[in-house]
Amino acid sequence: MDESIVRHCAEMNRCNQRGGRMLSIIDLLDAGTLDLDLAAYLMARISRGASFMVGARPGGLGKTTVMCALLNLIPADVEVVAATPEVVRRAARAGSLPRNCYVCHELGSGRYFAYLWGADLRAYCSLAAMGHVLATNLHADDLDDAQEQICAENLVPISDFNAFHLLVFLRMDRGLRTARRRIDKVYVSDGVSPHTLVFDASKRTNRLPGDSWTARCRAFLNETLQTGVRTIEQTRERVVAFLARP
């Protein structure tokens, strides 16, 4: 396996707090967390360098799982870096570095690895303006909740909040015998404008824009679903090969 893929998946596994293997986007499709159309849209944006955050108010709903499954779709030439306070401060001071994907394991004030809050969170969010990709998750159920925490509580400028191109929110659907995690809402920004709602599963709203790249991503995901590929390592290998196609 290519060394860059080994490093990439090792960083994803550092996010694993619950044991077992990390789930891939293919696993999430199998589980019904999202469907092919939504997966293709997210892949099309993230594979072109979109920053994103995943939110859910309850703990244990799978924010980190979904974040890492999406993280596996970033451009092949972007290195994944754990966004510890020290790393973030150094990157913010440096100004110009090769483009990286800085992964904050969670937005929070706890003394845990790669958790960010306050001045460190402001420094982290400023990295998008330097051309870096950001990926994180937080305890928030919707756009207003996320913006309140990030901009009002932590004084992150709204321009830096809008630089998160995708806001993905989860919910748990509970039946009589089963419970299923799913992506409930997706908001999108061009990186400058305020976020707009493009997907709301509860209200059956689907305004996902499509283009030829999204269609290619959908075909790739559908093809991969038919194979035995499921692990993050196998999936990353296929994603990297797909992104290298002319």
C-alpha atoms as a PDB file:
ATOM      1  CA  MET A   1       0.000   0.000   0.000  1.00  0.00           C
ATOM      2  CA  ASP A   2       1.235   3.486  -0.848  1.00  0.00           C
ATOM      3  CA  GLU A   3       2.880   5.222   2.115  1.00  0.00           C
ATOM      4  CA  SER A   4       0.673   8.302   1.769  1.00  0.00           C
ATOM      5  CA  ILE A   5      -2.423   6.100   2.134  1.00  0.00           C
ATOM      6  CA  VAL A   6      -0.926   4.404   5.190  1.00  0.00           C
ATOM      7  CA  ARG A   7      -0.333   7.828   6.812  1.00  0.00           C
ATOM      8  CA  HIS A   8      -3.791   9.040   5.825  1.00  0.00           C
ATOM      9  CA  CYS A   9      -5.571   6.061   7.379  1.00  0.00           C
ATOM     10  CA  ALA A  10      -3.362   6.174  10.469  1.00  0.00           C
ATOM     11  CA  GLU A  11      -4.566   9.730  11.140  1.00  0.00           C
ATOM     12  CA  MET A  12      -8.168   8.633  10.678  1.00  0.00           C
ATOM     13  CA  ASN A  13      -7.647   5.807  13.156  1.00  0.00           C
ATOM     14  CA  ARG A  14      -6.329   8.298  15.728  1.00  0.00           C
ATOM     15  CA  CYS A  15      -9.900   9.651  15.866  1.00  0.00           C
ATOM     16  CA  ASN A  16     -11.250   6.252  16.922  1.00  0.00           C
ATOM     17  CA  GLN A  17     -12.484   6.492  20.522  1.00  0.00           C
ATOM     18  CA  ARG A  18     -14.741   3.429  20.644  1.00  0.00           C
ATOM     19  CA  GLY A  19     -12.702   0.534  19.259  1.00  0.00           C
ATOM     20  CA  GLY A  20     -13.456  -1.630  16.255  1.00  0.00           C
ATOM     21  CA  ARG A  21     -12.590  -0.550  12.743  1.00  0.00           C
ATOM     22  CA  MET A  22     -13.418   2.881  11.405  1.00  0.00           C
ATOM     23  CA  LEU A  23     -16.287   2.835   8.913  1.00  0.00           C
ATOM     24  CA  SER A  24     -15.963   3.906   5.299  1.00  0.00           C
ATOM     25  CA  ILE A  25     -18.436   5.803   3.134  1.00  0.00           C
ATOM     26  CA  ILE A  26     -19.348   2.407   1.653  1.00  0.00           C
ATOM     27  CA  ASP A  27     -20.204   1.094   5.120  1.00  0.00           C
ATOM     28  CA  LEU A  28     -22.429   4.135   5.665  1.00  0.00           C
ATOM     29  CA  LEU A  29     -24.207   3.500   2.368  1.00  0.00           C
ATOM     30  CA  ASP A  30     -24.771  -0.109   3.437  1.00  0.00           C
ATOM     31  CA  ALA A  31     -26.187   1.077   6.770  1.00  0.00           C
ATOM     32  CA  GLY A  32     -28.562   3.624   5.215  1.00  0.00           C
ATOM     33  CA  THR A  33     -26.867   6.600   6.895  1.00  0.00           C
ATOM     34  CA  LEU A  34     -27.077   8.308   3.493  1.00  0.00           C
ATOM     35  CA  ASP A  35     -28.035   7.362  -0.040  1.00  0.00           C
ATOM     36  CA  LEU A  36     -26.043   7.362  -3.264  1.00  0.00           C
ATOM     37  CA  ASP A  37     -27.199  10.794  -4.404  1.00  0.00           C
ATOM     38  CA  LEU A  38     -26.163  12.491  -1.171  1.00  0.00           C
ATOM     39  CA  ALA A  39     -22.910  10.511  -0.960  1.00  0.00           C
ATOM     40  CA  ALA A  40     -22.032  11.522  -4.516  1.00  0.00           C
ATOM     41  CA  TYR A  41     -22.726  15.185  -3.819  1.00  0.00           C
ATOM     42  CA  LEU A  42     -20.573  15.175  -0.682  1.00  0.00           C
ATOM     43  CA  MET A  43     -17.789  13.297  -2.445  1.00  0.00           C
ATOM     44  CA  ALA A  44     -17.839  15.714  -5.372  1.00  0.00           C
ATOM     45  CA  ARG A  45     -17.397  18.704  -3.045  1.00  0.00           C
ATOM     46  CA  ILE A  46     -14.915  17.166  -0.600  1.00  0.00           C
ATOM     47  CA  SER A  47     -12.731  15.635  -3.319  1.00  0.00           C
ATOM     48  CA  ARG A  48     -12.329  19.174  -4.685  1.00  0.00           C
ATOM     49  CA  GLY A  49     -11.126  20.508  -1.335  1.00  0.00           C
ATOM     50  CA  ALA A  50     -14.292  21.564   0.521  1.00  0.00           C
ATOM     51  CA  SER A  51     -13.975  22.088   4.285  1.00  0.00           C
ATOM     52  CA  PHE A  52     -16.715  20.505   6.387  1.00  0.00           C
ATOM     53  CA  MET A  53     -18.057  19.898   9.865  1.00  0.00           C
ATOM     54  CA  VAL A  54     -20.394  17.219  11.208  1.00  0.00           C
ATOM     55  CA  GLY A  55     -22.819  17.982  14.021  1.00  0.00           C
ATOM     56  CA  ALA A  56     -25.148  16.165  16.415  1.00  0.00           C
ATOM     57  CA  ARG A  57     -26.163  17.290  19.889  1.00  0.00           C
ATOM     58  CA  PRO A  58     -26.247  13.828  21.606  1.00  0.00           C
ATOM     59  CA  GLY A  59     -22.988  12.029  22.261  1.00  0.00           C
ATOM     60  CA  GLY A  60     -22.408   8.638  20.674  1.00  0.00           C
ATOM     61  CA  LEU A  61     -24.478   9.365  17.577  1.00  0.00           C
ATOM     62  CA  GLY A  62     -21.567   8.873  15.193  1.00  0.00           C
ATOM     63  CA  LYS A  63     -20.199  12.352  14.444  1.00  0.00           C
ATOM     64  CA  THR A  64     -16.611  11.126  14.363  1.00  0.00           C
ATOM     65  CA  THR A  65     -17.564   8.078  12.297  1.00  0.00           C
ATOM     66  CA  VAL A  66     -19.219  10.212   9.627  1.00  0.00           C
ATOM     67  CA  MET A  67     -16.458  12.843   9.729  1.00  0.00           C
ATOM     68  CA  CYS A  68     -13.790  10.209   9.088  1.00  0.00           C
ATOM     69  CA  ALA A  69     -15.783   8.491   6.344  1.00  0.00           C
ATOM     70  CA  LEU A  70     -15.983  11.863   4.571  1.00  0.00           C
ATOM     71  CA  LEU A  71     -12.345  12.607   5.369  1.00  0.00           C
ATOM     72  CA  ASN A  72     -11.434   9.557   3.293  1.00  0.00           C
ATOM     73  CA  LEU A  73     -12.676  11.470   0.212  1.00  0.00           C
ATOM     74  CA  ILE A  74     -10.293  14.454   0.334  1.00  0.00           C
ATOM     75  CA  PRO A  75      -7.910  15.179  -2.579  1.00  0.00           C
ATOM     76  CA  ALA A  76      -5.040  12.721  -2.925  1.00  0.00           C
ATOM     77  CA  ASP A  77      -2.352  15.412  -2.598  1.00  0.00           C
ATOM     78  CA  VAL A  78      -3.663  16.808   0.706  1.00  0.00           C
ATOM     79  CA  GLU A  79      -2.012  15.518   3.878  1.00  0.00           C
ATOM     80  CA  VAL A  80      -4.159  14.889   6.967  1.00  0.00           C
ATOM     81  CA  VAL A  81      -2.822  16.622  10.091  1.00  0.00           C
ATOM     82  CA  ALA A  82      -4.243  16.381  13.625  1.00  0.00           C
ATOM     83  CA  ALA A  83      -5.233  19.915  14.682  1.00  0.00           C
ATOM     84  CA  THR A  84      -3.680  20.084  18.132  1.00  0.00           C
ATOM     85  CA  PRO A  85      -3.392  23.577  19.659  1.00  0.00           C
ATOM     86  CA  GLU A  86       0.379  23.611  19.073  1.00  0.00           C
ATOM     87  CA  VAL A  87       0.079  22.549  15.423  1.00  0.00           C
ATOM     88  CA  VAL A  88      -2.686  25.071  14.753  1.00  0.00           C
ATOM     89  CA  ARG A  89      -0.773  27.970  16.304  1.00  0.00           C
ATOM     90  CA  ARG A  90       2.336  27.085  14.307  1.00  0.00           C
ATOM     91  CA  ALA A  91       0.387  26.835  11.042  1.00  0.00           C
ATOM     92  CA  ALA A  92      -1.412  30.138  11.678  1.00  0.00           C
ATOM     93  CA  ARG A  93       1.933  31.889  12.296  1.00  0.00           C
ATOM     94  CA  ALA A  94       3.573  30.322   9.251  1.00  0.00           C
ATOM     95  CA  GLY A  95       1.008  31.776   6.870  1.00  0.00           C
ATOM     96  CA  SER A  96       2.077  29.882   3.736  1.00  0.00           C
ATOM     97  CA  LEU A  97       2.547  26.118   3.872  1.00  0.00           C
ATOM     98  CA  PRO A  98       1.682  23.251   1.542  1.00  0.00           C
ATOM     99  CA  ARG A  99      -2.073  22.716   1.647  1.00  0.00           C
ATOM    100  CA  ASN A 100      -3.041  20.319   4.446  1.00  0.00           C
ATOM    101  CA  CYS A 101      -6.294  19.018   5.864  1.00  0.00           C
ATOM    102  CA  TYR A 102      -6.361  19.957   9.544  1.00  0.00           C
ATOM    103  CA  VAL A 103      -8.641  17.633  11.494  1.00  0.00           C
ATOM    104  CA  CYS A 104     -10.014  18.887  14.802  1.00  0.00           C
ATOM    105  CA  HIS A 105     -11.280  15.781  16.601  1.00  0.00           C
ATOM    106  CA  GLU A 106     -14.013  17.867  18.227  1.00  0.00           C
ATOM    107  CA  LEU A 107     -14.866  21.488  18.930  1.00  0.00           C
ATOM    108  CA  GLY A 108     -14.844  21.560  22.708  1.00  0.00           C
ATOM    109  CA  SER A 109     -13.061  22.855  25.781  1.00  0.00           C
ATOM    110  CA  GLY A 110     -12.051  19.459  27.153  1.00  0.00           C
ATOM    111  CA  ARG A 111      -8.386  18.592  27.577  1.00  0.00           C
ATOM    112  CA  TYR A 112      -8.461  15.890  24.945  1.00  0.00           C
ATOM    113  CA  PHE A 113      -6.265  15.285  21.929  1.00  0.00           C
ATOM    114  CA  ALA A 114      -6.998  17.701  19.046  1.00  0.00           C
ATOM    115  CA  TYR A 115      -9.938  19.385  20.824  1.00  0.00           C
ATOM    116  CA  LEU A 116     -10.070  23.138  20.194  1.00  0.00           C
ATOM    117  CA  TRP A 117     -11.841  26.054  21.874  1.00  0.00           C
ATOM    118  CA  GLY A 118     -11.344  29.788  22.383  1.00  0.00           C
ATOM    119  CA  ALA A 119      -8.222  31.354  20.838  1.00  0.00           C
ATOM    120  CA  ASP A 120      -7.044  28.002  19.477  1.00  0.00           C
ATOM    121  CA  LEU A 121     -10.358  27.491  17.681  1.00  0.00           C
ATOM    122  CA  ARG A 122     -10.111  30.981  16.183  1.00  0.00           C
ATOM    123  CA  ALA A 123      -6.607  30.192  14.921  1.00  0.00           C
ATOM    124  CA  TYR A 124      -7.857  26.906  13.492  1.00  0.00           C
ATOM    125  CA  CYS A 125     -10.750  28.486  11.620  1.00  0.00           C
ATOM    126  CA  SER A 126      -8.410  31.119  10.161  1.00  0.00           C
ATOM    127  CA  LEU A 127      -6.458  28.399   8.336  1.00  0.00           C
ATOM    128  CA  ALA A 128      -9.140  28.103   5.640  1.00  0.00           C
ATOM    129  CA  ALA A 129      -8.264  31.597   4.405  1.00  0.00           C
ATOM    130  CA  MET A 130      -4.694  30.333   3.879  1.00  0.00           C
ATOM    131  CA  GLY A 131      -5.961  27.632   1.520  1.00  0.00           C
ATOM    132  CA  HIS A 132      -6.081  24.707   3.941  1.00  0.00           C
ATOM    133  CA  VAL A 133      -8.918  22.194   4.241  1.00  0.00           C
ATOM    134  CA  LEU A 134     -10.659  21.912   7.627  1.00  0.00           C
ATOM    135  CA  ALA A 135     -12.636  18.953   8.975  1.00  0.00           C
ATOM    136  CA  THR A 136     -14.227  18.729  12.414  1.00  0.00           C
ATOM    137  CA  ASN A 137     -17.320  17.818  14.419  1.00  0.00           C
ATOM    138  CA  LEU A 138     -19.274  19.376  17.258  1.00  0.00           C
ATOM    139  CA  HIS A 139     -22.262  18.934  19.569  1.00  0.00           C
ATOM    140  CA  ALA A 140     -24.841  20.881  17.551  1.00  0.00           C
ATOM    141  CA  ASP A 141     -28.112  19.896  15.916  1.00  0.00           C
ATOM    142  CA  ASP A 142     -28.521  22.629  13.321  1.00  0.00           C
ATOM    143  CA  LEU A 143     -26.992  25.674  11.661  1.00  0.00           C
ATOM    144  CA  ASP A 144     -28.039  28.203  14.324  1.00  0.00           C
ATOM    145  CA  ASP A 145     -26.715  26.012  17.121  1.00  0.00           C
ATOM    146  CA  ALA A 146     -23.342  25.602  15.382  1.00  0.00           C
ATOM    147  CA  GLN A 147     -23.035  29.299  14.594  1.00  0.00           C
ATOM    148  CA  GLU A 148     -23.916  30.251  18.172  1.00  0.00           C
ATOM    149  CA  GLN A 149     -21.159  28.040  19.569  1.00  0.00           C
ATOM    150  CA  ILE A 150     -18.508  28.990  17.052  1.00  0.00           C
ATOM    151  CA  CYS A 151     -19.156  32.675  16.398  1.00  0.00           C
ATOM    152  CA  ALA A 152     -20.934  33.934  19.534  1.00  0.00           C
ATOM    153  CA  GLU A 153     -19.198  31.841  22.204  1.00  0.00           C
ATOM    154  CA  ASN A 154     -15.758  31.627  20.590  1.00  0.00           C
ATOM    155  CA  LEU A 155     -15.721  34.906  18.623  1.00  0.00           C
ATOM    156  CA  VAL A 156     -14.821  33.231  15.334  1.00  0.00           C
ATOM    157  CA  PRO A 157     -15.481  35.738  12.515  1.00  0.00           C
ATOM    158  CA  ILE A 158     -18.519  34.888  10.413  1.00  0.00           C
ATOM    159  CA  SER A 159     -16.281  34.909   7.334  1.00  0.00           C
ATOM    160  CA  ASP A 160     -14.283  32.018   8.817  1.00  0.00           C
ATOM    161  CA  PHE A 161     -17.472  30.149   9.746  1.00  0.00           C
ATOM    162  CA  ASN A 162     -18.753  30.532   6.172  1.00  0.00           C
ATOM    163  CA  ALA A 163     -15.455  29.054   4.931  1.00  0.00           C
ATOM    164  CA  PHE A 164     -16.778  25.650   6.049  1.00  0.00           C
ATOM    165  CA  HIS A 165     -18.352  24.720   2.730  1.00  0.00           C
ATOM    166  CA  LEU A 166     -20.456  21.890   4.156  1.00  0.00           C
ATOM    167  CA  LEU A 167     -22.331  21.554   7.444  1.00  0.00           C
ATOM    168  CA  VAL A 168     -23.665  18.024   7.942  1.00  0.00           C
ATOM    169  CA  PHE A 169     -26.082  17.240  10.788  1.00  0.00           C
ATOM    170  CA  LEU A 170     -27.087  13.794  12.045  1.00  0.00           C
ATOM    171  CA  ARG A 171     -30.104  12.347  13.793  1.00  0.00           C
ATOM    172  CA  MET A 172     -31.152   8.919  15.066  1.00  0.00           C
ATOM    173  CA  ASP A 173     -34.266   7.301  13.650  1.00  0.00           C
ATOM    174  CA  ARG A 174     -35.717   4.875  16.192  1.00  0.00           C
ATOM    175  CA  GLY A 175     -38.209   2.172  15.282  1.00  0.00           C
ATOM    176  CA  LEU A 176     -39.846  -0.467  17.432  1.00  0.00           C
ATOM    177  CA  ARG A 177     -36.887  -2.814  17.136  1.00  0.00           C
ATOM    178  CA  THR A 178     -34.130  -0.856  15.443  1.00  0.00           C
ATOM    179  CA  ALA A 179     -32.333   2.492  15.510  1.00  0.00           C
ATOM    180  CA  ARG A 180     -30.577   3.947  12.490  1.00  0.00           C
ATOM    181  CA  ARG A 181     -28.200   6.883  12.319  1.00  0.00           C
ATOM    182  CA  ARG A 182     -28.736   9.057   9.274  1.00  0.00           C
ATOM    183  CA  ILE A 183     -27.644  12.353   7.785  1.00  0.00           C
ATOM    184  CA  ASP A 184     -30.606  14.627   8.397  1.00  0.00           C
ATOM    185  CA  LYS A 185     -29.563  18.039   7.080  1.00  0.00           C
ATOM    186  CA  VAL A 186     -26.850  19.467   4.853  1.00  0.00           C
ATOM    187  CA  TYR A 187     -26.065  23.161   4.480  1.00  0.00           C
ATOM    188  CA  VAL A 188     -23.710  24.492   1.834  1.00  0.00           C
ATOM    189  CA  SER A 189     -21.690  27.677   1.330  1.00  0.00           C
ATOM    190  CA  ASP A 190     -19.429  28.795  -1.491  1.00  0.00           C
ATOM    191  CA  GLY A 191     -16.900  29.679   1.206  1.00  0.00           C
ATOM    192  CA  VAL A 192     -17.985  33.305   1.395  1.00  0.00           C
ATOM    193  CA  SER A 193     -21.777  33.493   1.421  1.00  0.00           C
ATOM    194  CA  PRO A 194     -24.010  32.383   4.325  1.00  0.00           C
ATOM    195  CA  HIS A 195     -24.983  28.710   4.365  1.00  0.00           C
ATOM    196  CA  THR A 196     -28.159  27.549   2.653  1.00  0.00           C
ATOM    197  CA  LEU A 197     -30.090  24.337   3.281  1.00  0.00           C
ATOM    198  CA  VAL A 198     -29.849  21.921   0.345  1.00  0.00           C
ATOM    199  CA  PHE A 199     -30.918  18.669   2.013  1.00  0.00           C
ATOM    200  CA  ASP A 200     -33.440  17.945   4.778  1.00  0.00           C
ATOM    201  CA  ALA A 201     -34.384  14.287   5.148  1.00  0.00           C
ATOM    202  CA  SER A 202     -37.165  14.954   7.665  1.00  0.00           C
ATOM    203  CA  LYS A 203     -38.956  17.347   5.295  1.00  0.00           C
ATOM    204  CA  ARG A 204     -37.976  15.398   2.172  1.00  0.00           C
ATOM    205  CA  THR A 205     -36.154  18.450   0.837  1.00  0.00           C
ATOM    206  CA  ASN A 206     -33.482  17.714  -1.752  1.00  0.00           C
ATOM    207  CA  ARG A 207     -31.950  20.654  -3.613  1.00  0.00           C
ATOM    208  CA  LEU A 208     -28.594  19.006  -4.206  1.00  0.00           C
ATOM    209  CA  PRO A 209     -27.071  20.554  -7.327  1.00  0.00           C
ATOM    210  CA  GLY A 210     -25.644  18.109  -9.824  1.00  0.00           C
ATOM    211  CA  ASP A 211     -22.961  18.255 -12.494  1.00  0.00           C
ATOM    212  CA  SER A 212     -20.830  15.841 -14.499  1.00  0.00           C
ATOM    213  CA  TRP A 213     -18.313  15.413 -11.664  1.00  0.00           C
ATOM    214  CA  THR A 214     -21.078  14.505  -9.212  1.00  0.00           C
ATOM    215  CA  ALA A 215     -22.392  11.970 -11.727  1.00  0.00           C
ATOM    216  CA  ARG A 216     -18.916  10.428 -12.029  1.00  0.00           C
ATOM    217  CA  CYS A 217     -18.638  10.240  -8.245  1.00  0.00           C
ATOM    218  CA  ARG A 218     -22.024   8.529  -8.058  1.00  0.00           C
ATOM    219  CA  ALA A 219     -20.998   5.945 -10.640  1.00  0.00           C
ATOM    220  CA  PHE A 220     -17.760   5.300  -8.731  1.00  0.00           C
ATOM    221  CA  LEU A 221     -19.569   4.800  -5.421  1.00  0.00           C
ATOM    222  CA  ASN A 222     -22.185   2.553  -7.003  1.00  0.00           C
ATOM    223  CA  GLU A 223     -19.447   0.456  -8.611  1.00  0.00           C
ATOM    224  CA  THR A 224     -17.552   0.204  -5.316  1.00  0.00           C
ATOM    225  CA  LEU A 225     -20.721  -0.910  -3.532  1.00  0.00           C
ATOM    226  CA  GLN A 226     -20.791  -3.988  -5.747  1.00  0.00           C
ATOM    227  CA  THR A 227     -17.290  -5.038  -4.680  1.00  0.00           C
ATOM    228  CA  GLY A 228     -16.078  -6.442  -1.364  1.00  0.00           C
ATOM    229  CA  VAL A 229     -14.309  -3.159  -0.579  1.00  0.00           C
ATOM    230  CA  ARG A 230     -15.359  -1.812   2.802  1.00  0.00           C
ATOM    231  CA  THR A 231     -12.381  -0.850   5.006  1.00  0.00           C
ATOM    232  CA  ILE A 232     -11.044   2.693   5.082  1.00  0.00           C
ATOM    233  CA  GLU A 233      -7.731   1.454   3.646  1.00  0.00           C
ATOM    234  CA  GLN A 234      -9.371  -0.313   0.699  1.00  0.00           C
ATOM    235  CA  THR A 235     -11.733   2.592   0.114  1.00  0.00           C
ATOM    236  CA  ARG A 236      -8.941   5.171   0.202  1.00  0.00           C
ATOM    237  CA  GLU A 237      -6.947   3.184  -2.357  1.00  0.00           C
ATOM    238  CA  ARG A 238      -9.914   3.158  -4.713  1.00  0.00           C
ATOM    239  CA  VAL A 239     -10.675   6.845  -4.125  1.00  0.00           C
ATOM    240  CA  VAL A 240      -7.068   7.857  -4.868  1.00  0.00           C
ATOM    241  CA  ALA A 241      -7.061   5.776  -8.056  1.00  0.00           C
ATOM    242  CA  PHE A 242     -10.403   7.248  -9.110  1.00  0.00           C
ATOM    243  CA  LEU A 243      -9.258  10.825  -8.526  1.00  0.00           C
ATOM    244  CA  ALA A 244      -6.191  10.178 -10.698  1.00  0.00           C
ATOM    245  CA  ARG A 245      -8.308   9.263 -13.715  1.00  0.00           C
ATOM    246  CA  PRO A 246      -8.346  11.848 -16.544  1.00  0.00           C
END
